[in-house]
PDB file of N, CA and C in Angstrom:
ATOM      1  N   MET A   1     118.349 135.477  58.135  1.00  0.00           N
ATOM      2  CA  MET A   1     118.532 134.642  56.967  1.00  0.00           C
ATOM      3  C   MET A   1     118.037 133.241  57.284  1.00  0.00           C
ATOM      4  N   LYS A   2     117.245 132.705  56.382  1.00  0.00           N
ATOM      5  CA  LYS A   2     116.750 131.347  56.544  1.00  0.00           C
ATOM      6  C   LYS A   2     116.925 130.600  55.229  1.00  0.00           C
ATOM      7  N   ILE A   3     117.520 129.443  55.304  1.00  0.00           N
ATOM      8  CA  ILE A   3     117.642 128.593  54.118  1.00  0.00           C
ATOM      9  C   ILE A   3     116.299 127.913  53.929  1.00  0.00           C
ATOM     10  N   THR A   4     115.652 128.221  52.805  1.00  0.00           N
ATOM     11  CA  THR A   4     114.300 127.729  52.568  1.00  0.00           C
ATOM     12  C   THR A   4     114.253 126.540  51.613  1.00  0.00           C
ATOM     13  N   GLU A   5     115.364 126.232  50.953  1.00  0.00           N
ATOM     14  CA  GLU A   5     115.400 125.077  50.059  1.00  0.00           C
ATOM     15  C   GLU A   5     116.835 124.605  49.920  1.00  0.00           C
ATOM     16  N   VAL A   6     117.007 123.281  49.882  1.00  0.00           N
ATOM     17  CA  VAL A   6     118.317 122.681  49.664  1.00  0.00           C
ATOM     18  C   VAL A   6     118.153 121.581  48.628  1.00  0.00           C
ATOM     19  N   LYS A   7     118.916 121.650  47.547  1.00  0.00           N
ATOM     20  CA  LYS A   7     118.911 120.606  46.524  1.00  0.00           C
ATOM     21  C   LYS A   7     120.292 119.958  46.527  1.00  0.00           C
ATOM     22  N   VAL A   8     120.314 118.647  46.687  1.00  0.00           N
ATOM     23  CA  VAL A   8     121.561 117.891  46.770  1.00  0.00           C
ATOM     24  C   VAL A   8     121.722 117.066  45.501  1.00  0.00           C
ATOM     25  N   PHE A   9     122.932 117.118  44.926  1.00  0.00           N
ATOM     26  CA  PHE A   9     123.252 116.368  43.723  1.00  0.00           C
ATOM     27  C   PHE A   9     124.473 115.490  44.007  1.00  0.00           C
ATOM     28  N   PRO A  10     124.236 114.255  44.514  1.00  0.00           N
ATOM     29  CA  PRO A  10     125.364 113.378  44.864  1.00  0.00           C
ATOM     30  C   PRO A  10     126.223 113.042  43.642  1.00  0.00           C
ATOM     31  N   VAL A  11     127.513 112.858  43.884  1.00  0.00           N
ATOM     32  CA  VAL A  11     128.455 112.439  42.846  1.00  0.00           C
ATOM     33  C   VAL A  11     129.267 111.267  43.371  1.00  0.00           C
ATOM     34  N   GLN A  12     129.846 110.503  42.470  1.00  0.00           N
ATOM     35  CA  GLN A  12     130.640 109.338  42.838  1.00  0.00           C
ATOM     36  C   GLN A  12     132.119 109.643  42.634  1.00  0.00           C
ATOM     37  N   GLU A  13     132.669 110.477  43.486  1.00  0.00           N
ATOM     38  CA  GLU A  13     134.088 110.806  43.423  1.00  0.00           C
ATOM     39  C   GLU A  13     134.724 110.495  44.765  1.00  0.00           C
ATOM     40  N   ASP A  14     136.048 110.514  44.817  1.00  0.00           N
ATOM     41  CA  ASP A  14     136.760 110.120  46.026  1.00  0.00           C
ATOM     42  C   ASP A  14     136.417 111.022  47.208  1.00  0.00           C
ATOM     43  N   LYS A  15     136.789 112.277  47.157  1.00  0.00           N
ATOM     44  CA  LYS A  15     136.537 113.188  48.282  1.00  0.00           C
ATOM     45  C   LYS A  15     135.284 114.032  48.102  1.00  0.00           C
ATOM     46  N   LEU A  16     134.967 114.390  46.864  1.00  0.00           N
ATOM     47  CA  LEU A  16     133.760 115.171  46.588  1.00  0.00           C
ATOM     48  C   LEU A  16     132.550 114.249  46.649  1.00  0.00           C
ATOM     49  N   LYS A  17     131.615 114.563  47.534  1.00  0.00           N
ATOM     50  CA  LYS A  17     130.448 113.696  47.727  1.00  0.00           C
ATOM     51  C   LYS A  17     129.184 114.244  47.070  1.00  0.00           C
ATOM     52  N   ALA A  18     129.075 115.575  46.923  1.00  0.00           N
ATOM     53  CA  ALA A  18     127.870 116.142  46.325  1.00  0.00           C
ATOM     54  C   ALA A  18     128.072 117.615  46.003  1.00  0.00           C
ATOM     55  N   TYR A  19     127.299 118.076  45.030  1.00  0.00           N
ATOM     56  CA  TYR A  19     127.122 119.503  44.789  1.00  0.00           C
ATOM     57  C   TYR A  19     125.789 119.877  45.417  1.00  0.00           C
ATOM     58  N   VAL A  20     125.673 121.112  45.870  1.00  0.00           N
ATOM     59  CA  VAL A  20     124.453 121.548  46.553  1.00  0.00           C
ATOM     60  C   VAL A  20     124.075 122.940  46.065  1.00  0.00           C
ATOM     61  N   THR A  21     122.776 123.145  45.928  1.00  0.00           N
ATOM     62  CA  THR A  21     122.210 124.464  45.661  1.00  0.00           C
ATOM     63  C   THR A  21     121.307 124.807  46.832  1.00  0.00           C
ATOM     64  N   ILE A  22     121.444 126.034  47.354  1.00  0.00           N
ATOM     65  CA  ILE A  22     120.556 126.471  48.433  1.00  0.00           C
ATOM     66  C   ILE A  22     119.780 127.706  47.988  1.00  0.00           C
ATOM     67  N   VAL A  23     118.599 127.858  48.560  1.00  0.00           N
ATOM     68  CA  VAL A  23     117.791 129.061  48.363  1.00  0.00           C
ATOM     69  C   VAL A  23     117.641 129.714  49.734  1.00  0.00           C
ATOM     70  N   ILE A  24     117.893 131.007  49.786  1.00  0.00           N
ATOM     71  CA  ILE A  24     117.809 131.771  51.026  1.00  0.00           C
ATOM     72  C   ILE A  24     116.572 132.664  50.973  1.00  0.00           C
ATOM     73  N   ASP A  25     115.748 132.565  52.017  1.00  0.00           N
ATOM     74  CA  ASP A  25     114.538 133.387  52.150  1.00  0.00           C
ATOM     75  C   ASP A  25     113.655 133.357  50.904  1.00  0.00           C
ATOM     76  N   GLU A  26     113.633 132.230  50.227  1.00  0.00           N
ATOM     77  CA  GLU A  26     112.817 132.026  49.028  1.00  0.00           C
ATOM     78  C   GLU A  26     113.063 133.052  47.927  1.00  0.00           C
ATOM     79  N   CYS A  27     114.247 133.730  47.968  1.00  0.00           N
ATOM     80  CA  CYS A  27     114.462 134.770  46.964  1.00  0.00           C
ATOM     81  C   CYS A  27     115.908 134.915  46.503  1.00  0.00           C
ATOM     82  N   PHE A  28     116.844 134.107  47.043  1.00  0.00           N
ATOM     83  CA  PHE A  28     118.244 134.247  46.641  1.00  0.00           C
ATOM     84  C   PHE A  28     118.860 132.861  46.556  1.00  0.00           C
ATOM     85  N   VAL A  29     119.457 132.537  45.398  1.00  0.00           N
ATOM     86  CA  VAL A  29     120.012 131.201  45.194  1.00  0.00           C
ATOM     87  C   VAL A  29     121.545 131.243  45.201  1.00  0.00           C
ATOM     88  N   VAL A  30     122.143 130.216  45.806  1.00  0.00           N
ATOM     89  CA  VAL A  30     123.596 130.034  45.780  1.00  0.00           C
ATOM     90  C   VAL A  30     123.837 128.615  45.272  1.00  0.00           C
ATOM     91  N   ARG A  31     124.550 128.509  44.162  1.00  0.00           N
ATOM     92  CA  ARG A  31     124.821 127.215  43.537  1.00  0.00           C
ATOM     93  C   ARG A  31     126.280 126.808  43.760  1.00  0.00           C
ATOM     94  N   ASP A  32     126.521 125.539  43.542  1.00  0.00           N
ATOM     95  CA  ASP A  32     127.876 124.967  43.546  1.00  0.00           C
ATOM     96  C   ASP A  32     128.564 124.945  44.898  1.00  0.00           C
ATOM     97  N   LEU A  33     127.799 124.844  45.987  1.00  0.00           N
ATOM     98  CA  LEU A  33     128.414 124.467  47.241  1.00  0.00           C
ATOM     99  C   LEU A  33     128.847 123.014  47.062  1.00  0.00           C
ATOM    100  N   LYS A  34     129.872 122.593  47.770  1.00  0.00           N
ATOM    101  CA  LYS A  34     130.348 121.220  47.638  1.00  0.00           C
ATOM    102  C   LYS A  34     130.396 120.570  49.008  1.00  0.00           C
ATOM    103  N   ILE A  35     130.023 119.304  49.054  1.00  0.00           N
ATOM    104  CA  ILE A  35     130.216 118.521  50.264  1.00  0.00           C
ATOM    105  C   ILE A  35     131.461 117.684  50.037  1.00  0.00           C
ATOM    106  N   ILE A  36     132.437 117.886  50.912  1.00  0.00           N
ATOM    107  CA  ILE A  36     133.744 117.243  50.795  1.00  0.00           C
ATOM    108  C   ILE A  36     133.952 116.314  51.987  1.00  0.00           C
ATOM    109  N   ASN A  37     134.531 115.145  51.732  1.00  0.00           N
ATOM    110  CA  ASN A  37     134.922 114.245  52.808  1.00  0.00           C
ATOM    111  C   ASN A  37     136.386 114.537  53.116  1.00  0.00           C
ATOM    112  N   GLY A  38     136.618 115.331  54.146  1.00  0.00           N
ATOM    113  CA  GLY A  38     137.973 115.735  54.515  1.00  0.00           C
ATOM    114  C   GLY A  38     138.565 114.836  55.583  1.00  0.00           C
ATOM    115  N   ASN A  39     139.711 115.221  56.094  1.00  0.00           N
ATOM    116  CA  ASN A  39     140.404 114.436  57.119  1.00  0.00           C
ATOM    117  C   ASN A  39     139.605 114.297  58.404  1.00  0.00           C
ATOM    118  N   GLU A  40     138.758 115.287  58.699  1.00  0.00           N
ATOM    119  CA  GLU A  40     137.970 115.261  59.935  1.00  0.00           C
ATOM    120  C   GLU A  40     136.490 115.023  59.668  1.00  0.00           C
ATOM    121  N   GLY A  41     136.154 114.454  58.517  1.00  0.00           N
ATOM    122  CA  GLY A  41     134.760 114.159  58.185  1.00  0.00           C
ATOM    123  C   GLY A  41     134.213 115.103  57.134  1.00  0.00           C
ATOM    124  N   LEU A  42     132.899 115.086  56.991  1.00  0.00           N
ATOM    125  CA  LEU A  42     132.241 115.889  55.963  1.00  0.00           C
ATOM    126  C   LEU A  42     132.247 117.374  56.328  1.00  0.00           C
ATOM    127  N   PHE A  43     132.428 118.215  55.302  1.00  0.00           N
ATOM    128  CA  PHE A  43     132.275 119.654  55.487  1.00  0.00           C
ATOM    129  C   PHE A  43     131.748 120.267  54.199  1.00  0.00           C
ATOM    130  N   VAL A  44     131.249 121.493  54.313  1.00  0.00           N
ATOM    131  CA  VAL A  44     130.682 122.214  53.171  1.00  0.00           C
ATOM    132  C   VAL A  44     131.702 123.237  52.693  1.00  0.00           C
ATOM    133  N   ALA A  45     132.048 123.148  51.406  1.00  0.00           N
ATOM    134  CA  ALA A  45     132.933 124.137  50.778  1.00  0.00           C
ATOM    135  C   ALA A  45     132.062 125.094  49.977  1.00  0.00           C
ATOM    136  N   MET A  46     132.343 126.358  50.133  1.00  0.00           N
ATOM    137  CA  MET A  46     131.563 127.381  49.443  1.00  0.00           C
ATOM    138  C   MET A  46     131.991 127.472  47.979  1.00  0.00           C
ATOM    139  N   PRO A  47     131.115 128.018  47.108  1.00  0.00           N
ATOM    140  CA  PRO A  47     131.491 128.165  45.700  1.00  0.00           C
ATOM    141  C   PRO A  47     132.713 129.069  45.577  1.00  0.00           C
ATOM    142  N   SER A  48     133.616 128.710  44.678  1.00  0.00           N
ATOM    143  CA  SER A  48     134.844 129.487  44.537  1.00  0.00           C
ATOM    144  C   SER A  48     135.240 129.604  43.078  1.00  0.00           C
ATOM    145  N   LYS A  49     136.181 130.497  42.838  1.00  0.00           N
ATOM    146  CA  LYS A  49     136.675 130.763  41.488  1.00  0.00           C
ATOM    147  C   LYS A  49     138.195 130.666  41.513  1.00  0.00           C
ATOM    148  N   LYS A  50     138.754 130.049  40.492  1.00  0.00           N
ATOM    149  CA  LYS A  50     140.207 129.936  40.404  1.00  0.00           C
ATOM    150  C   LYS A  50     140.788 131.256  39.927  1.00  0.00           C
ATOM    151  N   ARG A  51     141.794 131.737  40.654  1.00  0.00           N
ATOM    152  CA  ARG A  51     142.447 133.000  40.306  1.00  0.00           C
ATOM    153  C   ARG A  51     143.625 132.733  39.372  1.00  0.00           C
ATOM    154  N   LYS A  52     144.161 133.795  38.809  1.00  0.00           N
ATOM    155  CA  LYS A  52     145.267 133.674  37.862  1.00  0.00           C
ATOM    156  C   LYS A  52     146.502 133.024  38.478  1.00  0.00           C
ATOM    157  N   ASP A  53     146.688 133.207  39.788  1.00  0.00           N
ATOM    158  CA  ASP A  53     147.865 132.629  40.441  1.00  0.00           C
ATOM    159  C   ASP A  53     147.649 131.172  40.855  1.00  0.00           C
ATOM    160  N   GLY A  54     146.493 130.589  40.493  1.00  0.00           N
ATOM    161  CA  GLY A  54     146.222 129.189  40.783  1.00  0.00           C
ATOM    162  C   GLY A  54     145.509 128.933  42.099  1.00  0.00           C
ATOM    163  N   THR A  55     145.337 129.953  42.917  1.00  0.00           N
ATOM    164  CA  THR A  55     144.613 129.788  44.179  1.00  0.00           C
ATOM    165  C   THR A  55     143.116 129.960  43.932  1.00  0.00           C
ATOM    166  N   TYR A  56     142.338 129.553  44.905  1.00  0.00           N
ATOM    167  CA  TYR A  56     140.891 129.679  44.806  1.00  0.00           C
ATOM    168  C   TYR A  56     140.389 130.713  45.799  1.00  0.00           C
ATOM    169  N   LYS A  57     139.388 131.472  45.401  1.00  0.00           N
ATOM    170  CA  LYS A  57     138.782 132.514  46.241  1.00  0.00           C
ATOM    171  C   LYS A  57     137.278 132.253  46.291  1.00  0.00           C
ATOM    172  N   ASP A  58     136.718 132.213  47.519  1.00  0.00           N
ATOM    173  CA  ASP A  58     135.269 132.021  47.651  1.00  0.00           C
ATOM    174  C   ASP A  58     134.517 133.150  46.958  1.00  0.00           C
ATOM    175  N   ILE A  59     133.457 132.776  46.256  1.00  0.00           N
ATOM    176  CA  ILE A  59     132.599 133.756  45.593  1.00  0.00           C
ATOM    177  C   ILE A  59     131.541 134.259  46.571  1.00  0.00           C
ATOM    178  N   ALA A  60     131.017 133.351  47.380  1.00  0.00           N
ATOM    179  CA  ALA A  60     130.012 133.684  48.397  1.00  0.00           C
ATOM    180  C   ALA A  60     130.344 132.875  49.635  1.00  0.00           C
ATOM    181  N   HIS A  61     130.177 133.483  50.801  1.00  0.00           N
ATOM    182  CA  HIS A  61     130.470 132.769  52.039  1.00  0.00           C
ATOM    183  C   HIS A  61     129.833 133.485  53.218  1.00  0.00           C
ATOM    184  N   PRO A  62     129.569 132.753  54.323  1.00  0.00           N
ATOM    185  CA  PRO A  62     129.033 133.373  55.531  1.00  0.00           C
ATOM    186  C   PRO A  62     130.046 134.353  56.123  1.00  0.00           C
ATOM    187  N   LEU A  63     129.545 135.390  56.759  1.00  0.00           N
ATOM    188  CA  LEU A  63     130.422 136.401  57.355  1.00  0.00           C
ATOM    189  C   LEU A  63     130.741 136.145  58.824  1.00  0.00           C
ATOM    190  N   ASN A  64     130.050 135.173  59.433  1.00  0.00           N
ATOM    191  CA  ASN A  64     130.347 134.874  60.838  1.00  0.00           C
ATOM    192  C   ASN A  64     130.195 133.385  61.102  1.00  0.00           C
ATOM    193  N   GLN A  65     130.759 132.945  62.217  1.00  0.00           N
ATOM    194  CA  GLN A  65     130.789 131.516  62.540  1.00  0.00           C
ATOM    195  C   GLN A  65     129.402 130.938  62.791  1.00  0.00           C
ATOM    196  N   ALA A  66     128.511 131.704  63.416  1.00  0.00           N
ATOM    197  CA  ALA A  66     127.161 131.205  63.690  1.00  0.00           C
ATOM    198  C   ALA A  66     126.412 130.904  62.394  1.00  0.00           C
ATOM    199  N   THR A  67     126.521 131.790  61.424  1.00  0.00           N
ATOM    200  CA  THR A  67     125.855 131.576  60.137  1.00  0.00           C
ATOM    201  C   THR A  67     126.479 130.393  59.411  1.00  0.00           C
ATOM    202  N   ARG A  68     127.799 130.276  59.467  1.00  0.00           N
ATOM    203  CA  ARG A  68     128.487 129.145  58.831  1.00  0.00           C
ATOM    204  C   ARG A  68     128.018 127.822  59.439  1.00  0.00           C
ATOM    205  N   MET A  69     127.927 127.771  60.759  1.00  0.00           N
ATOM    206  CA  MET A  69     127.511 126.540  61.431  1.00  0.00           C
ATOM    207  C   MET A  69     126.069 126.175  61.077  1.00  0.00           C
ATOM    208  N   ASP A  70     125.184 127.170  61.017  1.00  0.00           N
ATOM    209  CA  ASP A  70     123.787 126.927  60.653  1.00  0.00           C
ATOM    210  C   ASP A  70     123.686 126.422  59.217  1.00  0.00           C
ATOM    211  N   LEU A  71     124.403 127.073  58.309  1.00  0.00           N
ATOM    212  CA  LEU A  71     124.399 126.662  56.906  1.00  0.00           C
ATOM    213  C   LEU A  71     124.941 125.244  56.767  1.00  0.00           C
ATOM    214  N   GLU A  72     126.059 124.955  57.412  1.00  0.00           N
ATOM    215  CA  GLU A  72     126.669 123.629  57.294  1.00  0.00           C
ATOM    216  C   GLU A  72     125.749 122.549  57.855  1.00  0.00           C
ATOM    217  N   LYS A  73     125.119 122.795  58.994  1.00  0.00           N
ATOM    218  CA  LYS A  73     124.202 121.811  59.566  1.00  0.00           C
ATOM    219  C   LYS A  73     123.020 121.549  58.638  1.00  0.00           C
ATOM    220  N   THR A  74     122.423 122.597  58.118  1.00  0.00           N
ATOM    221  CA  THR A  74     121.279 122.451  57.217  1.00  0.00           C
ATOM    222  C   THR A  74     121.653 121.673  55.970  1.00  0.00           C
ATOM    223  N   VAL A  75     122.784 122.009  55.365  1.00  0.00           N
ATOM    224  CA  VAL A  75     123.221 121.353  54.128  1.00  0.00           C
ATOM    225  C   VAL A  75     123.598 119.892  54.390  1.00  0.00           C
ATOM    226  N   LEU A  76     124.357 119.636  55.443  1.00  0.00           N
ATOM    227  CA  LEU A  76     124.759 118.254  55.735  1.00  0.00           C
ATOM    228  C   LEU A  76     123.565 117.388  56.123  1.00  0.00           C
ATOM    229  N   ASP A  77     122.601 117.939  56.850  1.00  0.00           N
ATOM    230  CA  ASP A  77     121.381 117.184  57.173  1.00  0.00           C
ATOM    231  C   ASP A  77     120.630 116.805  55.902  1.00  0.00           C
ATOM    232  N   ALA A  78     120.532 117.732  54.952  1.00  0.00           N
ATOM    233  CA  ALA A  78     119.857 117.446  53.677  1.00  0.00           C
ATOM    234  C   ALA A  78     120.627 116.393  52.889  1.00  0.00           C
ATOM    235  N   TYR A  79     121.944 116.469  52.892  1.00  0.00           N
ATOM    236  CA  TYR A  79     122.774 115.481  52.192  1.00  0.00           C
ATOM    237  C   TYR A  79     122.572 114.087  52.794  1.00  0.00           C
ATOM    238  N   LEU A  80     122.630 113.979  54.116  1.00  0.00           N
ATOM    239  CA  LEU A  80     122.478 112.682  54.761  1.00  0.00           C
ATOM    240  C   LEU A  80     121.080 112.107  54.515  1.00  0.00           C
ATOM    241  N   ALA A  81     120.054 112.950  54.507  1.00  0.00           N
ATOM    242  CA  ALA A  81     118.685 112.499  54.201  1.00  0.00           C
ATOM    243  C   ALA A  81     118.600 111.990  52.763  1.00  0.00           C
ATOM    244  N   GLU A  82     119.260 112.692  51.851  1.00  0.00           N
ATOM    245  CA  GLU A  82     119.255 112.281  50.435  1.00  0.00           C
ATOM    246  C   GLU A  82     119.960 110.945  50.265  1.00  0.00           C
ATOM    247  N   ILE A  83     121.092 110.763  50.897  1.00  0.00           N
ATOM    248  CA  ILE A  83     121.827 109.507  50.802  1.00  0.00           C
ATOM    249  C   ILE A  83     121.021 108.362  51.408  1.00  0.00           C
ATOM    250  N   GLN A  84     120.401 108.609  52.548  1.00  0.00           N
ATOM    251  CA  GLN A  84     119.604 107.579  53.202  1.00  0.00           C
ATOM    252  C   GLN A  84     118.396 107.198  52.343  1.00  0.00           C
ATOM    253  N   ALA A  85     117.747 108.174  51.718  1.00  0.00           N
ATOM    254  CA  ALA A  85     116.586 107.904  50.878  1.00  0.00           C
ATOM    255  C   ALA A  85     116.959 107.053  49.676  1.00  0.00           C
ATOM    256  N   HIS A  86     118.167 107.228  49.150  1.00  0.00           N
ATOM    257  CA  HIS A  86     118.587 106.452  47.973  1.00  0.00           C
ATOM    258  C   HIS A  86     119.153 105.086  48.340  1.00  0.00           C
ATOM    259  N   SER A  87     119.457 104.877  49.607  1.00  0.00           N
ATOM    260  CA  SER A  87     120.020 103.595  49.997  1.00  0.00           C
ATOM    261  C   SER A  87     118.924 102.605  50.427  1.00  0.00           C
ATOM    262  N   GLU A  88     117.703 103.094  50.567  1.00  0.00           N
ATOM    263  CA  GLU A  88     116.597 102.222  50.993  1.00  0.00           C
ATOM    264  C   GLU A  88     115.932 101.558  49.821  1.00  0.00           C
TER     265      GLU A  88
END
């Protein structure tokens, strides 16, 4: 799996910093990833759906830690590049 495109949509909210869309292998899109500023810094939250009991369940997510780390690094690098480009 290779992330071939990352689109970052910054927002001006307290903890939510951006929405992100990724394209995998130029043929599969995942929308509504979120970049959150948590207690330990920035992290990527996967798209989720609110259940009837009020909890949230991920709609799509990596199945192993290596894939999660690769996805998070790619997305956060794109976010930081986008923020830097707009601050210049």
